[in-house]
Amino acid sequence: RYYDTFMQAFPDVQSLAAATADEVLHRWSGLGYYARARNLHRAAQLVRDQHGGVVPTDFETLSALPGIGRSTAGAILALSAHQHHAILDGNVKRVLSRVFRIEGVPSESAVQRELWTLAERCTPMQRVAHYTQAIMDLGATVCTRSKPACTRCPLARNCMALQTDSVARFPERKAAVK
């Protein structure tokens, strides 16, 4: 319901850009990190002021907007414009870490590079929007952090972590600081 309330208040880029920061933050209540709301508001203003109110479809331009990094820009363009871009959100990191049994903590730069390489390699040239939505949904609903439903997973046959009975180990986490 929080999302619906936010979308009713700001159904398009122009209405979001025209709102005050206080209005945006008030409507964002219940949706999570407030930095996201600030970034979204600032991005909407930049889209209005620098891009004629049209969300850029160029990867570099889109990813330069506040709060939109490589993965988010890739997801937006794959889903809305059917452009070929890989994504690597937390759910996708988990799926790839398990399927390919990637050693190391995903936030470490070497592991991050390896995961991006795999994400790019796995992203098909055709039906990229379908793949992008599917891999995000797979991580959110089947290949979950705890209690993954491996028996329902379409990638189970090829999952190296499942084959080695090590699903719970992946992705690796930083050691707790004592």
Protein backbone atom coordinates (compact mmCIF):
# COMPACT_ATOMS: atom_id res chain seq x y z
CA ARG A 1 0.00 0.00 0.00
CA TYR A 2 2.93 2.39 0.59
CA TYR A 3 4.04 1.97 -3.01
CA ASP A 4 0.51 2.55 -4.30
CA THR A 5 0.20 5.70 -2.21
CA PHE A 6 3.51 6.99 -3.53
CA MET A 7 2.55 6.23 -7.14
CA GLN A 8 -0.85 7.91 -6.77
CA ALA A 9 0.86 11.05 -5.50
CA PHE A 10 3.57 10.98 -8.19
CA PRO A 11 2.33 9.06 -11.24
CA ASP A 12 4.99 10.46 -13.57
CA VAL A 13 8.39 12.13 -13.68
CA GLN A 14 6.89 15.61 -13.98
CA SER A 15 4.77 15.34 -10.83
CA LEU A 16 7.68 13.91 -8.85
CA ALA A 17 10.04 16.62 -10.09
CA ALA A 18 7.55 19.36 -9.21
CA ALA A 19 7.05 18.14 -5.63
CA THR A 20 8.97 19.51 -2.70
CA ALA A 21 11.52 17.31 -0.96
CA ASP A 22 9.29 17.23 2.12
CA GLU A 23 6.31 16.00 0.06
CA VAL A 24 8.41 13.24 -1.48
CA LEU A 25 9.82 12.12 1.86
CA HIS A 26 6.36 12.16 3.45
CA ARG A 27 4.90 9.95 0.69
CA TRP A 28 7.97 7.69 0.80
CA SER A 29 7.28 6.81 4.42
CA GLY A 30 7.19 3.03 4.79
CA LEU A 31 9.16 2.33 1.59
CA GLY A 32 12.63 2.03 3.06
CA TYR A 33 15.80 4.06 2.86
CA TYR A 34 15.09 7.77 2.57
CA ALA A 35 18.26 8.29 0.55
CA ARG A 36 16.48 6.44 -2.27
CA ALA A 37 13.63 8.93 -2.16
CA ARG A 38 16.04 11.85 -2.26
CA ASN A 39 17.91 10.33 -5.20
CA LEU A 40 14.68 9.55 -7.05
CA HIS A 41 13.45 13.11 -6.51
CA ARG A 42 16.72 14.64 -7.69
CA ALA A 43 16.85 12.28 -10.70
CA ALA A 44 13.29 13.31 -11.66
CA GLN A 45 14.29 16.97 -11.49
CA LEU A 46 17.33 16.33 -13.70
CA VAL A 47 15.21 14.37 -16.18
CA ARG A 48 12.79 17.31 -16.29
CA ASP A 49 15.47 20.00 -16.51
CA GLN A 50 18.13 18.35 -18.67
CA HIS A 51 16.28 15.72 -20.68
CA GLY A 52 12.97 17.37 -21.54
CA GLY A 53 11.05 15.18 -19.10
CA VAL A 54 12.03 11.99 -20.92
CA VAL A 55 13.96 9.31 -19.06
CA PRO A 56 17.21 8.74 -20.99
CA THR A 57 17.55 5.49 -22.90
CA ASP A 58 21.31 5.84 -23.24
CA PHE A 59 23.09 3.68 -20.64
CA GLU A 60 25.78 6.21 -19.71
CA THR A 61 23.34 9.10 -19.39
CA LEU A 62 20.86 7.08 -17.36
CA SER A 63 23.50 5.65 -15.02
CA ALA A 64 24.79 9.17 -14.33
CA LEU A 65 21.50 10.12 -12.64
CA PRO A 66 21.49 10.10 -8.82
CA GLY A 67 20.85 6.68 -7.33
CA ILE A 68 21.08 4.88 -10.66
CA GLY A 69 24.18 2.76 -10.96
CA ARG A 70 25.25 0.14 -13.44
CA SER A 71 22.78 -2.56 -12.35
CA THR A 72 19.77 -0.28 -11.98
CA ALA A 73 20.41 1.35 -15.36
CA GLY A 74 20.77 -2.09 -16.90
CA ALA A 75 17.49 -3.25 -15.38
CA ILE A 76 15.60 -0.14 -16.45
CA LEU A 77 16.85 -0.37 -20.03
CA ALA A 78 16.44 -4.13 -20.30
CA LEU A 79 12.88 -4.03 -18.99
CA SER A 80 11.63 -0.82 -20.61
CA ALA A 81 13.63 -0.62 -23.84
CA HIS A 82 14.62 -4.28 -24.37
CA GLN A 83 18.26 -3.25 -24.56
CA HIS A 84 20.95 -5.83 -23.87
CA HIS A 85 22.38 -4.97 -20.44
CA ALA A 86 23.35 -7.26 -17.60
CA ILE A 87 22.17 -6.63 -14.05
CA LEU A 88 23.69 -7.59 -10.73
CA ASP A 89 21.42 -6.81 -7.80
CA GLY A 90 21.56 -8.75 -4.54
CA ASN A 91 19.22 -11.48 -5.78
CA VAL A 92 21.21 -12.01 -8.97
CA LYS A 93 24.47 -12.10 -7.02
CA ARG A 94 23.02 -14.87 -4.85
CA VAL A 95 21.82 -16.92 -7.84
CA LEU A 96 25.10 -16.59 -9.73
CA SER A 97 27.19 -17.23 -6.61
CA ARG A 98 25.37 -20.50 -6.02
CA VAL A 99 25.00 -21.72 -9.60
CA PHE A 100 28.68 -21.09 -10.35
CA ARG A 101 29.87 -21.68 -6.75
CA ILE A 102 31.77 -18.40 -6.59
CA GLU A 103 34.22 -18.27 -3.71
CA GLY A 104 34.62 -14.98 -1.84
CA VAL A 105 32.44 -12.14 -0.62
CA PRO A 106 30.46 -10.49 -3.47
CA SER A 107 31.37 -6.98 -2.27
CA GLU A 108 35.10 -7.67 -2.81
CA SER A 109 36.27 -6.14 -6.08
CA ALA A 110 37.68 -9.36 -7.60
CA VAL A 111 34.49 -11.28 -6.81
CA GLN A 112 32.37 -8.37 -8.05
CA ARG A 113 34.27 -8.41 -11.38
CA GLU A 114 33.77 -12.17 -11.70
CA LEU A 115 30.04 -11.85 -10.99
CA TRP A 116 29.67 -9.05 -13.57
CA THR A 117 31.47 -11.21 -16.13
CA LEU A 118 29.07 -14.08 -15.41
CA ALA A 119 26.05 -11.75 -15.46
CA GLU A 120 27.08 -10.44 -18.87
CA ARG A 121 27.78 -13.94 -20.18
CA CYS A 122 24.40 -15.25 -18.97
CA THR A 123 22.31 -12.36 -20.27
CA PRO A 124 20.82 -13.46 -23.60
CA MET A 125 20.70 -11.29 -26.69
CA GLN A 126 17.02 -12.16 -27.26
CA ARG A 127 14.18 -11.67 -24.77
CA VAL A 128 16.44 -9.74 -22.42
CA ALA A 129 13.49 -8.24 -20.54
CA HIS A 130 12.10 -11.71 -19.81
CA TYR A 131 15.48 -12.95 -18.61
CA THR A 132 16.08 -9.87 -16.45
CA GLN A 133 12.73 -10.19 -14.69
CA ALA A 134 13.13 -13.95 -14.34
CA ILE A 135 16.59 -13.87 -12.75
CA MET A 136 15.50 -11.19 -10.28
CA ASP A 137 12.35 -13.16 -9.42
CA LEU A 138 14.31 -16.41 -9.13
CA GLY A 139 16.55 -14.87 -6.47
CA ALA A 140 13.62 -13.25 -4.68
CA THR A 141 11.31 -16.27 -4.56
CA VAL A 142 13.25 -19.53 -5.09
CA CYS A 143 16.97 -18.99 -4.52
CA THR A 144 16.34 -17.09 -1.31
CA ARG A 145 18.90 -16.23 1.34
CA SER A 146 17.52 -18.71 3.83
CA LYS A 147 15.56 -21.85 3.02
CA PRO A 148 16.04 -21.80 -0.76
CA ALA A 149 13.58 -23.98 -2.68
CA CYS A 150 16.19 -25.89 -4.66
CA THR A 151 13.74 -28.61 -5.67
CA ARG A 152 11.67 -25.98 -7.51
CA CYS A 153 14.63 -24.24 -9.13
CA PRO A 154 14.90 -24.42 -12.91
CA LEU A 155 18.69 -24.15 -12.57
CA ALA A 156 19.04 -26.99 -10.03
CA ARG A 157 20.52 -29.41 -12.56
CA ASN A 158 23.38 -26.98 -13.25
CA CYS A 159 23.81 -25.50 -9.77
CA MET A 160 27.32 -26.25 -8.57
CA ALA A 161 26.52 -25.33 -4.97
CA LEU A 162 23.57 -27.75 -4.93
CA GLN A 163 25.65 -30.51 -6.54
CA THR A 164 28.26 -30.14 -3.80
CA ASP A 165 25.70 -29.77 -0.97
CA SER A 166 27.04 -26.29 -0.18
CA VAL A 167 24.10 -23.99 -1.02
CA ALA A 168 24.07 -22.49 2.49
CA ARG A 169 27.69 -21.33 2.07
CA PHE A 170 26.92 -19.11 -0.92
CA PRO A 171 27.21 -16.28 -1.36
CA GLU A 172 29.90 -15.96 1.23
CA ARG A 173 29.48 -13.28 3.85
CA LYS A 174 31.98 -11.04 5.57
CA ALA A 175 33.17 -12.41 8.87
CA ALA A 176 31.51 -10.75 11.84
CA VAL A 177 33.68 -8.19 13.59
CA LYS A 178 34.21 -9.00 17.26
